Amino acid sequence: MTMWHPLNPFPGLTRAAGAAALLSLVLSSAPMTARAQDASATLADAATSAATVAQPSREYLLKTAFVFNFARYTTWPPPSPDGAFNLCILGQDDFGTAAQYLDGQQLRQRNIDVRFRAVDDDLGGCQLVYVTQPLAGQLDSLLPRLHAERMLTVSDIPDFAARGGILGLKIVDNRIRFEANPLAAKRAGLRLSAQLLRLADVIAEHLPKGSPG
């Protein structure tokens, strides 16, 4: 099994159909894998709706698939909250366009509610926070605040996990891979599954002096 994906997995498909196929990967029940042959069966229905909205890039749709699986393979401390699973996007970049495909879908029998937030907003109720690239300069103050609230932090900011984030996406040889920081997860009271960690590049973080350990 693998969570490494080429950035152009469906070269023969139109842009809308490719988006629909990638969305089906996000919503697939197959654990920790993305299989194009399974996705193709859903294209006829999904391509129509995908064509009606602004199309995110394949890169960000794949990153959305990773984020969905990150949530599936993370355990939050009890008590489990009732209601929606709140996926909060902090700041603005192209990830938000892709993540909207998850809104209203189910994760562990809970509907996913995609929310867009600014740094100064009340982030209470967020279970997963995706930190967008424009906030790279604010990680030192931002991450301790999020982890204190038991939030899973994810980003494609370079060296995100090494700087104290929990799960960081990166591109290596035109494939998306990810880094995991188990110590940051532990500080947030979260548990990353062994299966997730086996597929990750587990890193040691490099926090600035004076940061909480």
C-alpha atoms as a PDB file:
ATOM      1  CA  MET A   1       0.000   0.000   0.000  1.00  0.00           C
ATOM      2  CA  THR A   2       1.124   3.533  -0.627  1.00  0.00           C
ATOM      3  CA  MET A   3       0.083   7.113  -0.194  1.00  0.00           C
ATOM      4  CA  TRP A   4       2.557   8.404  -2.781  1.00  0.00           C
ATOM      5  CA  HIS A   5       0.730   9.760  -5.814  1.00  0.00           C
ATOM      6  CA  PRO A   6       1.940  11.155  -9.144  1.00  0.00           C
ATOM      7  CA  LEU A   7       0.633  14.627  -9.803  1.00  0.00           C
ATOM      8  CA  ASN A   8      -0.955  13.594 -13.116  1.00  0.00           C
ATOM      9  CA  PRO A   9      -2.561  10.193 -12.484  1.00  0.00           C
ATOM     10  CA  PHE A  10      -5.272  10.507 -15.154  1.00  0.00           C
ATOM     11  CA  PRO A  11      -3.555  11.973 -18.254  1.00  0.00           C
ATOM     12  CA  GLY A  12      -6.299  10.798 -20.609  1.00  0.00           C
ATOM     13  CA  LEU A  13      -9.162  12.539 -18.807  1.00  0.00           C
ATOM     14  CA  THR A  14     -10.566  16.021 -19.198  1.00  0.00           C
ATOM     15  CA  ARG A  15      -9.964  18.499 -16.392  1.00  0.00           C
ATOM     16  CA  ALA A  16     -13.507  18.079 -14.987  1.00  0.00           C
ATOM     17  CA  ALA A  17     -13.404  14.298 -15.252  1.00  0.00           C
ATOM     18  CA  GLY A  18      -9.990  14.232 -13.636  1.00  0.00           C
ATOM     19  CA  ALA A  19     -11.305  16.277 -10.721  1.00  0.00           C
ATOM     20  CA  ALA A  20     -14.238  13.907 -10.369  1.00  0.00           C
ATOM     21  CA  ALA A  21     -11.960  10.883 -10.401  1.00  0.00           C
ATOM     22  CA  LEU A  22      -9.729  12.349  -7.728  1.00  0.00           C
ATOM     23  CA  LEU A  23     -12.750  13.196  -5.610  1.00  0.00           C
ATOM     24  CA  SER A  24     -13.825   9.576  -5.782  1.00  0.00           C
ATOM     25  CA  LEU A  25     -10.396   8.615  -4.448  1.00  0.00           C
ATOM     26  CA  VAL A  26     -10.935  10.902  -1.485  1.00  0.00           C
ATOM     27  CA  LEU A  27     -14.236   9.250  -0.679  1.00  0.00           C
ATOM     28  CA  SER A  28     -13.054   5.683  -1.356  1.00  0.00           C
ATOM     29  CA  SER A  29     -13.290   3.227   1.517  1.00  0.00           C
ATOM     30  CA  ALA A  30     -10.049   1.517   0.469  1.00  0.00           C
ATOM     31  CA  PRO A  31      -7.619   2.110   3.356  1.00  0.00           C
ATOM     32  CA  MET A  32      -4.626   4.316   2.708  1.00  0.00           C
ATOM     33  CA  THR A  33      -4.544   3.865  -1.057  1.00  0.00           C
ATOM     34  CA  ALA A  34      -5.815   5.525  -4.220  1.00  0.00           C
ATOM     35  CA  ARG A  35      -6.833   3.254  -7.100  1.00  0.00           C
ATOM     36  CA  ALA A  36      -7.639   4.844 -10.438  1.00  0.00           C
ATOM     37  CA  GLN A  37      -9.401   1.771 -11.786  1.00  0.00           C
ATOM     38  CA  ASP A  38     -12.015   2.008  -9.007  1.00  0.00           C
ATOM     39  CA  ALA A  39     -12.430   5.742  -9.506  1.00  0.00           C
ATOM     40  CA  SER A  40     -13.225   5.452 -13.208  1.00  0.00           C
ATOM     41  CA  ALA A  41     -16.589   3.813 -12.508  1.00  0.00           C
ATOM     42  CA  THR A  42     -17.894   7.009 -10.896  1.00  0.00           C
ATOM     43  CA  LEU A  43     -16.881   9.430 -13.638  1.00  0.00           C
ATOM     44  CA  ALA A  44     -20.161   9.525 -15.558  1.00  0.00           C
ATOM     45  CA  ASP A  45     -22.095  10.885 -12.582  1.00  0.00           C
ATOM     46  CA  ALA A  46     -19.383  12.910 -10.894  1.00  0.00           C
ATOM     47  CA  ALA A  47     -17.969  14.710 -13.935  1.00  0.00           C
ATOM     48  CA  THR A  48     -21.218  16.620 -14.504  1.00  0.00           C
ATOM     49  CA  SER A  49     -21.238  18.176 -11.046  1.00  0.00           C
ATOM     50  CA  ALA A  50     -17.485  18.730 -11.074  1.00  0.00           C
ATOM     51  CA  ALA A  51     -17.758  20.726 -14.279  1.00  0.00           C
ATOM     52  CA  THR A  52     -20.124  23.240 -12.673  1.00  0.00           C
ATOM     53  CA  VAL A  53     -17.607  24.597 -10.159  1.00  0.00           C
ATOM     54  CA  ALA A  54     -14.176  26.157 -10.425  1.00  0.00           C
ATOM     55  CA  GLN A  55     -11.683  23.356 -10.864  1.00  0.00           C
ATOM     56  CA  PRO A  56      -8.776  23.027  -8.437  1.00  0.00           C
ATOM     57  CA  SER A  57      -5.530  21.539  -9.643  1.00  0.00           C
ATOM     58  CA  ARG A  58      -4.898  17.808  -9.490  1.00  0.00           C
ATOM     59  CA  GLU A  59      -2.147  18.547  -6.986  1.00  0.00           C
ATOM     60  CA  TYR A  60      -4.560  20.072  -4.504  1.00  0.00           C
ATOM     61  CA  LEU A  61      -7.224  17.442  -5.075  1.00  0.00           C
ATOM     62  CA  LEU A  62      -4.643  14.805  -4.213  1.00  0.00           C
ATOM     63  CA  LYS A  63      -3.624  16.775  -1.157  1.00  0.00           C
ATOM     64  CA  THR A  64      -7.283  16.777  -0.157  1.00  0.00           C
ATOM     65  CA  ALA A  65      -7.288  12.984  -0.438  1.00  0.00           C
ATOM     66  CA  PHE A  66      -4.282  12.838   1.872  1.00  0.00           C
ATOM     67  CA  VAL A  67      -5.962  15.102   4.414  1.00  0.00           C
ATOM     68  CA  PHE A  68      -9.081  12.936   4.393  1.00  0.00           C
ATOM     69  CA  ASN A  69      -6.970   9.852   5.124  1.00  0.00           C
ATOM     70  CA  PHE A  70      -4.996  11.691   7.794  1.00  0.00           C
ATOM     71  CA  ALA A  71      -8.258  12.267   9.646  1.00  0.00           C
ATOM     72  CA  ARG A  72      -9.263   8.627   9.222  1.00  0.00           C
ATOM     73  CA  TYR A  73      -6.027   7.390  10.774  1.00  0.00           C
ATOM     74  CA  THR A  74      -5.816   9.829  13.694  1.00  0.00           C
ATOM     75  CA  THR A  75      -7.436   9.257  17.086  1.00  0.00           C
ATOM     76  CA  TRP A  76      -8.660  12.206  19.146  1.00  0.00           C
ATOM     77  CA  PRO A  77      -8.865  12.020  22.943  1.00  0.00           C
ATOM     78  CA  PRO A  78     -12.271  11.355  24.543  1.00  0.00           C
ATOM     79  CA  PRO A  79     -14.907  12.487  24.800  1.00  0.00           C
ATOM     80  CA  SER A  80     -15.662  12.388  21.091  1.00  0.00           C
ATOM     81  CA  PRO A  81     -17.633  15.471  20.073  1.00  0.00           C
ATOM     82  CA  ASP A  82     -21.082  15.058  18.602  1.00  0.00           C
ATOM     83  CA  GLY A  83     -22.134  16.586  15.325  1.00  0.00           C
ATOM     84  CA  ALA A  84     -20.016  17.435  12.314  1.00  0.00           C
ATOM     85  CA  PHE A  85     -16.313  16.799  11.857  1.00  0.00           C
ATOM     86  CA  ASN A  86     -14.998  20.325  11.396  1.00  0.00           C
ATOM     87  CA  LEU A  87     -12.192  20.683   8.874  1.00  0.00           C
ATOM     88  CA  CYS A  88     -10.978  24.253   9.175  1.00  0.00           C
ATOM     89  CA  ILE A  89      -8.869  25.935   6.522  1.00  0.00           C
ATOM     90  CA  LEU A  90      -6.760  28.678   8.016  1.00  0.00           C
ATOM     91  CA  GLY A  91      -5.851  31.412   5.563  1.00  0.00           C
ATOM     92  CA  GLN A  92      -6.276  31.323   1.799  1.00  0.00           C
ATOM     93  CA  ASP A  93      -4.703  29.391  -1.047  1.00  0.00           C
ATOM     94  CA  ASP A  94      -5.729  26.818  -3.659  1.00  0.00           C
ATOM     95  CA  PHE A  95      -6.235  24.062  -1.097  1.00  0.00           C
ATOM     96  CA  GLY A  96      -9.541  25.611  -0.086  1.00  0.00           C
ATOM     97  CA  THR A  97     -11.040  25.164  -3.549  1.00  0.00           C
ATOM     98  CA  ALA A  98     -10.206  21.453  -3.508  1.00  0.00           C
ATOM     99  CA  ALA A  99     -11.268  20.877   0.081  1.00  0.00           C
ATOM    100  CA  GLN A 100     -14.802  22.046  -0.670  1.00  0.00           C
ATOM    101  CA  TYR A 101     -15.364  18.693  -2.382  1.00  0.00           C
ATOM    102  CA  LEU A 102     -15.305  17.130   1.096  1.00  0.00           C
ATOM    103  CA  ASP A 103     -18.027  19.345   2.514  1.00  0.00           C
ATOM    104  CA  GLY A 104     -21.020  17.230   3.522  1.00  0.00           C
ATOM    105  CA  GLN A 105     -19.258  13.906   3.006  1.00  0.00           C
ATOM    106  CA  GLN A 106     -18.916  11.408   5.842  1.00  0.00           C
ATOM    107  CA  LEU A 107     -15.991  10.538   8.057  1.00  0.00           C
ATOM    108  CA  ARG A 108     -16.573   7.944  10.772  1.00  0.00           C
ATOM    109  CA  GLN A 109     -20.336   8.413  10.429  1.00  0.00           C
ATOM    110  CA  ARG A 110     -20.028  12.169  10.909  1.00  0.00           C
ATOM    111  CA  ASN A 111     -20.606  14.759   8.216  1.00  0.00           C
ATOM    112  CA  ILE A 112     -17.575  16.822   7.264  1.00  0.00           C
ATOM    113  CA  ASP A 113     -18.083  20.565   7.633  1.00  0.00           C
ATOM    114  CA  VAL A 114     -15.441  22.565   5.751  1.00  0.00           C
ATOM    115  CA  ARG A 115     -14.918  25.965   7.365  1.00  0.00           C
ATOM    116  CA  PHE A 116     -12.733  28.873   6.277  1.00  0.00           C
ATOM    117  CA  ARG A 117     -11.082  30.826   9.069  1.00  0.00           C
ATOM    118  CA  ALA A 118      -8.628  33.662   9.624  1.00  0.00           C
ATOM    119  CA  VAL A 119      -5.833  33.605  12.191  1.00  0.00           C
ATOM    120  CA  ASP A 120      -7.702  35.888  14.595  1.00  0.00           C
ATOM    121  CA  ASP A 121     -10.964  33.921  14.417  1.00  0.00           C
ATOM    122  CA  ASP A 122     -12.309  31.712  17.174  1.00  0.00           C
ATOM    123  CA  LEU A 123     -11.173  28.250  16.081  1.00  0.00           C
ATOM    124  CA  GLY A 124     -13.081  26.379  18.767  1.00  0.00           C
ATOM    125  CA  GLY A 125     -14.721  23.261  17.414  1.00  0.00           C
ATOM    126  CA  CYS A 126     -12.128  22.575  14.718  1.00  0.00           C
ATOM    127  CA  GLN A 127     -10.829  19.008  14.769  1.00  0.00           C
ATOM    128  CA  LEU A 128      -8.413  19.383  11.846  1.00  0.00           C
ATOM    129  CA  VAL A 129      -6.789  22.652  10.815  1.00  0.00           C
ATOM    130  CA  TYR A 130      -5.108  22.989   7.436  1.00  0.00           C
ATOM    131  CA  VAL A 131      -2.621  25.867   7.613  1.00  0.00           C
ATOM    132  CA  THR A 132      -2.215  27.504   4.206  1.00  0.00           C
ATOM    133  CA  GLN A 133       1.108  28.661   2.821  1.00  0.00           C
ATOM    134  CA  PRO A 134       0.632  32.428   3.365  1.00  0.00           C
ATOM    135  CA  LEU A 135       0.819  31.739   7.124  1.00  0.00           C
ATOM    136  CA  ALA A 136       4.297  30.194   7.020  1.00  0.00           C
ATOM    137  CA  GLY A 137       5.763  33.105   8.969  1.00  0.00           C
ATOM    138  CA  GLN A 138       3.325  32.674  11.874  1.00  0.00           C
ATOM    139  CA  LEU A 139       3.850  29.010  12.747  1.00  0.00           C
ATOM    140  CA  ASP A 140       5.867  29.631  15.908  1.00  0.00           C
ATOM    141  CA  SER A 141       2.951  31.387  17.587  1.00  0.00           C
ATOM    142  CA  LEU A 142       0.129  29.599  15.796  1.00  0.00           C
ATOM    143  CA  LEU A 143       0.940  25.910  16.294  1.00  0.00           C
ATOM    144  CA  PRO A 144       1.077  25.881  20.122  1.00  0.00           C
ATOM    145  CA  ARG A 145      -2.330  27.546  20.169  1.00  0.00           C
ATOM    146  CA  LEU A 146      -3.838  24.918  17.839  1.00  0.00           C
ATOM    147  CA  HIS A 147      -2.258  21.940  19.582  1.00  0.00           C
ATOM    148  CA  ALA A 148      -3.447  23.164  22.972  1.00  0.00           C
ATOM    149  CA  GLU A 149      -6.984  22.802  21.592  1.00  0.00           C
ATOM    150  CA  ARG A 150      -6.378  19.177  20.466  1.00  0.00           C
ATOM    151  CA  MET A 151      -6.381  20.042  16.761  1.00  0.00           C
ATOM    152  CA  LEU A 152      -4.664  17.984  14.077  1.00  0.00           C
ATOM    153  CA  THR A 153      -2.474  20.387  12.100  1.00  0.00           C
ATOM    154  CA  VAL A 154      -1.697  19.740   8.440  1.00  0.00           C
ATOM    155  CA  SER A 155      -0.009  21.882   5.800  1.00  0.00           C
ATOM    156  CA  ASP A 156       2.078  21.904   2.643  1.00  0.00           C
ATOM    157  CA  ILE A 157       4.269  24.687   4.039  1.00  0.00           C
ATOM    158  CA  PRO A 158       7.888  23.551   3.533  1.00  0.00           C
ATOM    159  CA  ASP A 159       9.337  21.863   6.647  1.00  0.00           C
ATOM    160  CA  PHE A 160       5.965  22.143   8.390  1.00  0.00           C
ATOM    161  CA  ALA A 161       6.470  19.020  10.511  1.00  0.00           C
ATOM    162  CA  ALA A 162      10.050  19.950  11.363  1.00  0.00           C
ATOM    163  CA  ARG A 163       8.788  23.334  12.580  1.00  0.00           C
ATOM    164  CA  GLY A 164       6.306  21.739  14.965  1.00  0.00           C
ATOM    165  CA  GLY A 165       3.310  20.843  12.783  1.00  0.00           C
ATOM    166  CA  ILE A 166       1.881  17.332  12.963  1.00  0.00           C
ATOM    167  CA  LEU A 167       1.583  16.287   9.303  1.00  0.00           C
ATOM    168  CA  GLY A 168       3.300  18.018   6.407  1.00  0.00           C
ATOM    169  CA  LEU A 169       2.768  17.397   2.692  1.00  0.00           C
ATOM    170  CA  LYS A 170       5.622  17.686   0.225  1.00  0.00           C
ATOM    171  CA  ILE A 171       6.424  16.924  -3.405  1.00  0.00           C
ATOM    172  CA  VAL A 172       9.384  14.666  -4.172  1.00  0.00           C
ATOM    173  CA  ASP A 173      10.155  13.587  -7.737  1.00  0.00           C
ATOM    174  CA  ASN A 174       6.726  14.800  -8.881  1.00  0.00           C
ATOM    175  CA  ARG A 175       4.971  12.702  -6.252  1.00  0.00           C
ATOM    176  CA  ILE A 176       3.178  13.784  -3.110  1.00  0.00           C
ATOM    177  CA  ARG A 177       4.615  12.384   0.099  1.00  0.00           C
ATOM    178  CA  PHE A 178       4.178  13.364   3.721  1.00  0.00           C
ATOM    179  CA  GLU A 179       6.114  13.888   6.917  1.00  0.00           C
ATOM    180  CA  ALA A 180       4.851  13.125  10.415  1.00  0.00           C
ATOM    181  CA  ASN A 181       5.879  14.620  13.739  1.00  0.00           C
ATOM    182  CA  PRO A 182       4.705  12.158  16.437  1.00  0.00           C
ATOM    183  CA  LEU A 183       5.958  14.405  19.248  1.00  0.00           C
ATOM    184  CA  ALA A 184       3.752  17.250  18.073  1.00  0.00           C
ATOM    185  CA  ALA A 185       0.803  14.853  17.864  1.00  0.00           C
ATOM    186  CA  LYS A 186       1.486  13.681  21.411  1.00  0.00           C
ATOM    187  CA  ARG A 187       1.584  17.270  22.673  1.00  0.00           C
ATOM    188  CA  ALA A 188      -1.827  17.805  21.086  1.00  0.00           C
ATOM    189  CA  GLY A 189      -3.206  14.677  22.758  1.00  0.00           C
ATOM    190  CA  LEU A 190      -3.635  12.914  19.419  1.00  0.00           C
ATOM    191  CA  ARG A 191      -2.539   9.454  18.308  1.00  0.00           C
ATOM    192  CA  LEU A 192      -1.351   8.785  14.764  1.00  0.00           C
ATOM    193  CA  SER A 193      -1.954   5.185  13.742  1.00  0.00           C
ATOM    194  CA  ALA A 194       0.995   2.859  13.243  1.00  0.00           C
ATOM    195  CA  GLN A 195      -0.157   2.317   9.678  1.00  0.00           C
ATOM    196  CA  LEU A 196       0.007   6.035   8.981  1.00  0.00           C
ATOM    197  CA  LEU A 197       3.459   6.337  10.535  1.00  0.00           C
ATOM    198  CA  ARG A 198       4.798   3.425   8.476  1.00  0.00           C
ATOM    199  CA  LEU A 199       3.983   5.352   5.318  1.00  0.00           C
ATOM    200  CA  ALA A 200       5.295   8.695   6.565  1.00  0.00           C
ATOM    201  CA  ASP A 201       8.751  10.196   6.665  1.00  0.00           C
ATOM    202  CA  VAL A 202       8.981  10.511  10.456  1.00  0.00           C
ATOM    203  CA  ILE A 203      11.026  13.544  11.347  1.00  0.00           C
ATOM    204  CA  ALA A 204      12.589  15.176  14.372  1.00  0.00           C
ATOM    205  CA  GLU A 205      11.391  18.725  14.782  1.00  0.00           C
ATOM    206  CA  HIS A 206      13.620  21.761  15.075  1.00  0.00           C
ATOM    207  CA  LEU A 207      11.820  24.212  17.295  1.00  0.00           C
ATOM    208  CA  PRO A 208      13.247  27.655  18.051  1.00  0.00           C
ATOM    209  CA  LYS A 209      14.779  28.169  21.476  1.00  0.00           C
ATOM    210  CA  GLY A 210      12.208  28.914  24.107  1.00  0.00           C
ATOM    211  CA  SER A 211       9.384  27.057  22.346  1.00  0.00           C
ATOM    212  CA  PRO A 212       7.382  24.585  24.437  1.00  0.00           C
ATOM    213  CA  GLY A 213       8.810  21.061  24.153  1.00  0.00           C
END
